[in-house]
Amino acid sequence: MNRNNNKKTSSLLFISLMTVIFFSCIDEKRDDCGEVSVGFDYSYNILSSNAFAEQVNKVTLYMFDQNGTLVWKEASGEMNFTNDYKMIIPDPKVGEYKFVAWAQSNKLKEDDADFKIPDLIVGASVLDDLSYYVRRNSGIQNKELNNLLIGATDVSINGGLSSQHIEIPLKKVNNKIRIVLLPSTENEGLDINNFNINIVDNIGNGHLRYDYSLLRDEPISYQPYYAANVTPRPSEILSPNELQQAAVAEINVSRMQIREQNVDNIRLQITSKKTQEEIVSVNLPWFFSLISMESHKNWDLQEYLDRQDEYSITLFLSQGTWMQATIIINGWVINNLSIGM
């Protein structure tokens, strides 16, 4: 009789102790508790090194169960990160999950600078509800965008009192393209206001799933958020024989994806405002492929496009007409290039 009472007492003490430990885990986030720490890695870039902290100032993490239902989410708020930043999920239930994250910079404060992202509700929202949408007006996007990194990974939660670490690999959604127009002769003037510059996707690439794939979208035209005529600064003394002016534009675009054969791809188009003449029309991914294989031969073109997030294109014009001789992309010189591809 006493022996049974002792067993019951021991069992009750054990249960009480475990209850105290688990609640302490939640309240104190101790290292010996059953928790999952989640880190973020943005090494899928041109340098293959983690640039998470350099790119973003806020991150949101979601946890979906094996049925695709959202069971947990947390947002960091705006802050300065380090690359070892982690989010803690205290005492998660054992099971199979999909962890999804997105992170943005906060440099630009206008609403149009951020991708449209749905506000998911724990217990009600599902995985397919999560997508990212480029804001646009009548099919035109002409704003500078905050950085957007997204990523997802499958996770098995083992349970117990041991800690478990998960790393979510991230990829960048948006790209910046700087276009420099140069006159072919020293004294020829070139005015940015004489040109219409567009990057056009006739299928649309401004709507993405949580897994980085493109969703059905409408045609979208990306236009400059910055356009200017650039001349030397007072401190920059140039020879009279050198070029004294350039026309410059910068455009933000969403993920560039290679399309199937015979399907029109995203194109760079430059036309004259005065004559409506088309001066430049090129398949942009093909344009960039001219340099990608030289600099990173172990990547295919799609991987290069996904890793590289900034491009600089220099075009030489003669009296408003494309000079079919030389272009420069990210410092690589390409000679005798014909256009209209």
Protein backbone atom coordinates (compact mmCIF):
# COMPACT_ATOMS: atom_id res chain seq x y z
CA MET A 1 0.00 0.00 0.00
CA ASN A 2 2.74 2.41 0.93
CA ARG A 3 4.71 1.26 -2.10
CA ASN A 4 1.82 2.17 -4.41
CA ASN A 5 1.40 5.51 -2.72
CA ASN A 6 5.12 6.18 -3.21
CA LYS A 7 4.80 5.35 -6.91
CA LYS A 8 1.84 7.69 -7.29
CA THR A 9 3.68 10.41 -5.42
CA SER A 10 6.78 9.94 -7.61
CA SER A 11 4.67 10.08 -10.76
CA LEU A 12 2.97 13.27 -9.64
CA LEU A 13 6.30 14.84 -8.77
CA PHE A 14 7.71 13.88 -12.19
CA ILE A 15 4.72 15.35 -14.03
CA SER A 16 4.94 18.53 -11.97
CA LEU A 17 8.65 18.82 -12.65
CA MET A 18 8.18 18.37 -16.41
CA THR A 19 5.39 20.97 -16.40
CA VAL A 20 7.67 23.46 -14.66
CA ILE A 21 10.47 22.73 -17.15
CA PHE A 22 8.26 23.18 -20.21
CA PHE A 23 6.73 26.43 -18.95
CA SER A 24 10.19 27.67 -18.02
CA CYS A 25 11.27 26.84 -21.56
CA ILE A 26 8.58 29.09 -22.96
CA ASP A 27 9.13 31.93 -20.50
CA GLU A 28 12.92 31.90 -20.28
CA LYS A 29 13.95 30.36 -23.66
CA ARG A 30 16.72 28.36 -21.97
CA ASP A 31 19.27 26.41 -24.03
CA ASP A 32 18.20 23.07 -22.52
CA CYS A 33 14.58 23.43 -23.64
CA GLY A 34 12.74 21.89 -26.55
CA GLU A 35 12.88 24.70 -29.08
CA VAL A 36 13.67 25.30 -32.72
CA SER A 37 15.97 28.15 -33.72
CA VAL A 38 15.63 29.40 -37.28
CA GLY A 39 18.41 31.22 -39.13
CA PHE A 40 18.39 32.83 -42.56
CA ASP A 41 20.98 32.47 -45.30
CA TYR A 42 21.16 34.61 -48.42
CA SER A 43 24.18 33.10 -50.12
CA TYR A 44 22.35 32.54 -53.39
CA ASN A 45 23.98 35.62 -54.89
CA ILE A 46 26.79 36.49 -57.25
CA LEU A 47 29.42 36.25 -54.47
CA SER A 48 28.06 33.02 -52.90
CA SER A 49 28.40 34.55 -49.41
CA ASN A 50 25.69 35.29 -46.87
CA ALA A 51 24.42 38.85 -47.40
CA PHE A 52 21.22 38.56 -45.35
CA ALA A 53 22.11 41.35 -42.92
CA GLU A 54 23.18 43.70 -45.72
CA GLN A 55 19.98 43.30 -47.71
CA VAL A 56 17.04 43.49 -45.28
CA ASN A 57 15.74 45.07 -42.07
CA LYS A 58 12.70 42.94 -41.24
CA VAL A 59 11.75 39.28 -41.58
CA THR A 60 8.54 37.27 -41.19
CA LEU A 61 8.54 33.53 -40.52
CA TYR A 62 5.64 31.11 -41.08
CA MET A 63 5.18 27.50 -39.98
CA PHE A 64 2.72 25.35 -41.95
CA ASP A 65 1.71 21.81 -40.92
CA GLN A 66 1.64 18.78 -43.23
CA ASN A 67 -1.88 19.73 -44.34
CA GLY A 68 -0.66 23.17 -45.43
CA THR A 69 -2.40 25.05 -42.61
CA LEU A 70 -0.61 27.95 -40.93
CA VAL A 71 0.05 27.01 -37.29
CA TRP A 72 2.55 29.68 -36.22
CA LYS A 73 3.98 32.98 -37.45
CA GLU A 74 6.21 35.72 -36.14
CA ALA A 75 7.53 39.04 -37.47
CA SER A 76 10.76 40.60 -36.30
CA GLY A 77 9.80 44.22 -36.69
CA GLU A 78 12.27 46.65 -38.23
CA MET A 79 15.83 46.25 -36.97
CA ASN A 80 19.49 46.01 -37.92
CA PHE A 81 20.34 42.34 -38.37
CA THR A 82 23.53 40.34 -38.13
CA ASN A 83 24.00 37.20 -40.22
CA ASP A 84 23.64 35.02 -37.11
CA TYR A 85 20.19 36.40 -36.26
CA LYS A 86 17.74 33.67 -35.26
CA MET A 87 14.04 33.36 -34.52
CA ILE A 88 13.02 30.97 -31.73
CA ILE A 89 9.98 28.68 -31.87
CA PRO A 90 9.41 27.49 -28.26
CA ASP A 91 8.28 23.91 -27.60
CA PRO A 92 6.87 23.07 -31.08
CA LYS A 93 4.83 19.91 -31.54
CA VAL A 94 6.44 16.87 -33.15
CA GLY A 95 5.57 16.62 -36.84
CA GLU A 96 6.34 17.51 -40.44
CA TYR A 97 6.27 21.19 -41.39
CA LYS A 98 7.01 23.68 -44.13
CA PHE A 99 8.89 26.74 -42.90
CA VAL A 100 8.53 29.81 -45.14
CA ALA A 101 10.18 33.21 -44.72
CA TRP A 102 10.27 36.55 -46.45
CA ALA A 103 12.40 39.55 -45.62
CA GLN A 104 12.46 43.14 -46.87
CA SER A 105 14.57 46.24 -46.52
CA ASN A 106 12.97 49.40 -45.14
CA LYS A 107 14.94 52.12 -46.93
CA LEU A 108 11.96 53.25 -49.00
CA LYS A 109 8.81 54.19 -47.05
CA GLU A 110 6.23 54.54 -49.84
CA ASP A 111 3.64 51.76 -50.15
CA ASP A 112 4.57 51.23 -53.82
CA ALA A 113 8.13 50.37 -52.77
CA ASP A 114 7.01 47.11 -51.13
CA PHE A 115 5.63 43.98 -52.73
CA LYS A 116 2.01 43.24 -51.85
CA ILE A 117 2.00 40.35 -49.36
CA PRO A 118 -1.19 38.91 -47.80
CA ASP A 119 -1.77 39.05 -44.04
CA LEU A 120 -2.05 35.38 -43.09
CA ILE A 121 -4.11 34.16 -40.11
CA VAL A 122 -2.97 31.30 -37.89
CA GLY A 123 -5.40 28.40 -38.06
CA ALA A 124 -7.18 29.74 -41.14
CA SER A 125 -4.64 30.56 -43.86
CA VAL A 126 -3.00 27.87 -45.99
CA LEU A 127 0.33 27.61 -47.77
CA ASP A 128 -1.02 28.52 -51.21
CA ASP A 129 -2.35 31.80 -49.80
CA LEU A 130 1.22 33.08 -49.56
CA SER A 131 2.44 34.89 -52.66
CA TYR A 132 4.21 38.13 -53.54
CA TYR A 133 2.84 40.68 -56.00
CA VAL A 134 4.53 43.66 -57.64
CA ARG A 135 2.33 46.71 -57.21
CA ARG A 136 1.65 48.48 -60.48
CA ASN A 137 -0.65 51.09 -62.02
CA SER A 138 -2.43 50.07 -65.26
CA GLY A 139 0.26 47.48 -65.91
CA ILE A 140 3.14 49.93 -65.31
CA GLN A 141 5.69 49.64 -62.51
CA ASN A 142 7.93 52.73 -62.30
CA LYS A 143 8.93 52.79 -58.62
CA GLU A 144 12.13 51.89 -56.84
CA LEU A 145 11.56 48.75 -54.77
CA ASN A 146 12.76 47.63 -51.38
CA ASN A 147 14.75 44.40 -51.43
CA LEU A 148 12.65 41.25 -51.12
CA LEU A 149 14.17 37.87 -50.16
CA ILE A 150 12.03 34.73 -49.94
CA GLY A 151 12.66 31.09 -49.04
CA ALA A 152 11.08 27.84 -47.88
CA THR A 153 12.28 24.52 -46.47
CA ASP A 154 10.75 21.26 -45.20
CA VAL A 155 11.35 20.51 -41.51
CA SER A 156 10.87 17.48 -39.27
CA ILE A 157 10.37 18.45 -35.61
CA ASN A 158 11.78 15.72 -33.38
CA GLY A 159 10.54 16.96 -30.02
CA GLY A 160 12.17 16.36 -26.65
CA LEU A 161 14.17 18.81 -24.59
CA SER A 162 16.98 19.22 -27.10
CA SER A 163 17.30 22.27 -29.33
CA GLN A 164 17.01 21.99 -33.09
CA HIS A 165 18.45 24.47 -35.60
CA ILE A 166 16.98 25.15 -39.03
CA GLU A 167 18.53 27.31 -41.76
CA ILE A 168 16.23 28.75 -44.44
CA PRO A 169 17.95 29.49 -47.77
CA LEU A 170 16.71 32.74 -49.32
CA LYS A 171 16.61 34.04 -52.88
CA LYS A 172 16.18 37.62 -54.03
CA VAL A 173 13.10 38.53 -56.05
CA ASN A 174 13.90 41.95 -57.51
CA ASN A 175 16.71 43.26 -59.72
CA LYS A 176 18.06 46.72 -60.53
CA ILE A 177 19.09 47.55 -64.07
CA ARG A 178 21.04 50.72 -64.83
CA ILE A 179 21.03 51.83 -68.47
CA VAL A 180 23.65 54.31 -69.67
CA LEU A 181 23.24 55.92 -73.09
CA LEU A 182 26.41 57.44 -74.54
CA PRO A 183 26.82 59.50 -77.73
CA SER A 184 29.16 58.02 -80.30
CA THR A 185 31.01 61.30 -80.86
CA GLU A 186 32.48 63.73 -78.35
CA ASN A 187 30.38 66.78 -79.20
CA GLU A 188 27.06 65.10 -79.88
CA GLY A 189 24.33 65.93 -77.38
CA LEU A 190 22.14 63.23 -75.81
CA ASP A 191 19.00 64.03 -73.82
CA ILE A 192 17.26 61.37 -71.69
CA ASN A 193 13.98 63.19 -72.25
CA ASN A 194 14.08 62.23 -75.93
CA PHE A 195 13.70 58.50 -75.18
CA ASN A 196 11.09 56.11 -73.90
CA ILE A 197 12.82 53.31 -71.99
CA ASN A 198 10.86 50.20 -71.02
CA ILE A 199 11.52 46.68 -69.89
CA VAL A 200 8.48 44.77 -71.03
CA ASP A 201 7.21 41.31 -70.12
CA ASN A 202 4.23 40.45 -72.30
CA ILE A 203 3.31 37.48 -70.09
CA GLY A 204 4.03 39.05 -66.72
CA ASN A 205 6.59 38.18 -64.04
CA GLY A 206 5.32 40.25 -61.12
CA HIS A 207 3.48 37.54 -59.15
CA LEU A 208 5.48 34.83 -57.33
CA ARG A 209 4.65 31.85 -55.12
CA TYR A 210 6.31 31.28 -51.76
CA ASP A 211 8.67 28.79 -53.48
CA TYR A 212 10.09 31.38 -55.93
CA SER A 213 8.15 30.16 -58.97
CA LEU A 214 6.11 32.57 -61.10
CA LEU A 215 2.32 32.63 -60.97
CA ARG A 216 -0.08 33.65 -63.72
CA ASP A 217 0.13 37.40 -64.22
CA GLU A 218 -0.80 40.19 -66.61
CA PRO A 219 1.65 41.90 -69.00
CA ILE A 220 3.81 44.38 -67.14
CA SER A 221 5.93 47.31 -68.27
CA TYR A 222 8.82 48.36 -66.05
CA GLN A 223 9.79 52.00 -66.51
CA PRO A 224 12.53 54.14 -64.93
CA TYR A 225 12.17 55.30 -61.34
CA TYR A 226 15.24 57.44 -62.03
CA ALA A 227 16.21 59.17 -65.28
CA ALA A 228 18.69 62.02 -65.71
CA ASN A 229 21.26 63.67 -67.91
CA VAL A 230 24.62 63.30 -66.21
CA THR A 231 27.52 65.69 -66.68
CA PRO A 232 30.92 65.81 -64.94
CA ARG A 233 30.96 67.18 -61.41
CA PRO A 234 32.86 70.44 -60.82
CA SER A 235 35.70 68.42 -59.30
CA GLU A 236 35.91 66.17 -62.38
CA ILE A 237 38.00 67.94 -65.01
CA LEU A 238 37.79 66.25 -68.39
CA SER A 239 39.64 66.87 -71.60
CA PRO A 240 37.60 68.71 -74.27
CA ASN A 241 38.01 65.64 -76.45
CA GLU A 242 36.20 63.39 -73.98
CA LEU A 243 32.47 62.75 -73.67
CA GLN A 244 30.87 65.47 -71.58
CA GLN A 245 27.38 64.04 -71.07
CA ALA A 246 25.51 60.77 -70.66
CA ALA A 247 21.85 59.86 -70.31
CA VAL A 248 21.12 57.48 -67.43
CA ALA A 249 18.07 55.52 -66.29
CA GLU A 250 17.48 52.95 -63.53
CA ILE A 251 14.68 50.37 -63.51
CA ASN A 252 13.55 47.81 -60.92
CA VAL A 253 12.17 44.50 -62.23
CA SER A 254 10.85 41.32 -60.66
CA ARG A 255 12.46 37.90 -61.16
CA MET A 256 13.59 37.32 -64.74
CA GLN A 257 12.79 33.79 -65.86
CA ILE A 258 13.80 32.08 -69.09
CA ARG A 259 10.73 31.18 -71.10
CA GLU A 260 10.03 28.25 -73.37
CA GLN A 261 11.28 28.40 -76.94
CA ASN A 262 9.25 30.71 -79.21
CA VAL A 263 7.65 32.42 -76.18
CA ASP A 264 8.42 36.13 -76.07
CA ASN A 265 10.71 36.89 -73.15
CA ILE A 266 11.26 40.01 -71.10
CA ARG A 267 12.68 42.69 -73.43
CA LEU A 268 14.53 45.98 -73.21
CA GLN A 269 12.91 48.51 -75.55
CA ILE A 270 14.06 52.05 -76.29
CA THR A 271 12.15 54.30 -78.67
CA SER A 272 12.44 57.88 -79.83
CA LYS A 273 9.75 60.14 -78.37
CA LYS A 274 9.96 62.41 -81.40
CA THR A 275 9.64 59.82 -84.19
CA GLN A 276 8.34 56.78 -82.24
CA GLU A 277 11.10 54.85 -83.99
CA GLU A 278 12.28 51.74 -82.16
CA ILE A 279 15.97 52.17 -81.46
CA VAL A 280 16.63 49.12 -79.28
CA SER A 281 14.64 45.91 -78.79
CA VAL A 282 16.47 42.94 -77.29
CA ASN A 283 15.65 39.77 -75.38
CA LEU A 284 17.05 40.75 -71.99
CA PRO A 285 17.94 37.29 -70.58
CA TRP A 286 19.72 36.49 -73.85
CA PHE A 287 21.47 39.86 -73.60
CA PHE A 288 22.77 38.94 -70.15
CA SER A 289 23.74 35.42 -71.25
CA LEU A 290 26.50 37.00 -73.33
CA ILE A 291 28.46 37.59 -70.15
CA SER A 292 27.18 35.03 -67.65
CA MET A 293 28.97 32.03 -69.12
CA GLU A 294 32.29 33.83 -69.09
CA SER A 295 32.14 34.89 -65.47
CA HIS A 296 30.43 31.86 -63.92
CA LYS A 297 30.74 28.84 -66.18
CA ASN A 298 29.44 26.42 -63.54
CA TRP A 299 26.00 28.13 -63.48
CA ASP A 300 23.36 27.84 -66.15
CA LEU A 301 21.72 31.04 -67.37
CA GLN A 302 18.69 30.82 -65.04
CA GLU A 303 20.90 30.45 -61.99
CA TYR A 304 23.00 33.40 -63.11
CA LEU A 305 19.88 35.55 -63.54
CA ASP A 306 18.63 34.53 -60.09
CA ARG A 307 21.95 35.21 -58.36
CA GLN A 308 22.83 38.50 -60.06
CA ASP A 309 20.67 41.34 -58.74
CA GLU A 310 22.26 44.38 -60.36
CA TYR A 311 23.08 45.00 -64.01
CA SER A 312 24.67 47.93 -65.79
CA ILE A 313 24.16 48.26 -69.55
CA THR A 314 26.00 50.88 -71.62
CA LEU A 315 24.70 51.61 -75.11
CA PHE A 316 26.28 53.87 -77.71
CA LEU A 317 23.90 55.97 -79.82
CA SER A 318 24.52 58.06 -82.92
CA GLN A 319 22.01 60.84 -83.66
CA GLY A 320 19.36 58.87 -81.78
CA THR A 321 20.07 55.71 -83.77
CA TRP A 322 21.51 52.53 -82.31
CA MET A 323 25.18 52.28 -83.15
CA GLN A 324 25.62 48.61 -84.03
CA ALA A 325 29.10 48.28 -82.68
CA THR A 326 29.58 48.02 -78.95
CA ILE A 327 27.69 47.48 -75.72
CA ILE A 328 29.02 47.03 -72.21
CA ILE A 329 27.17 44.86 -69.64
CA ASN A 330 28.53 44.79 -66.07
CA GLY A 331 31.94 45.77 -67.38
CA TRP A 332 32.07 43.16 -70.16
CA VAL A 333 32.56 44.60 -73.65
CA ILE A 334 30.63 42.98 -76.51
CA ASN A 335 31.48 44.04 -80.07
CA ASN A 336 29.54 43.86 -83.35
CA LEU A 337 26.22 43.00 -81.75
CA SER A 338 23.12 43.17 -83.92
CA ILE A 339 19.76 43.96 -82.30
CA GLY A 340 16.12 43.11 -82.77
CA MET A 341 16.48 39.60 -81.31
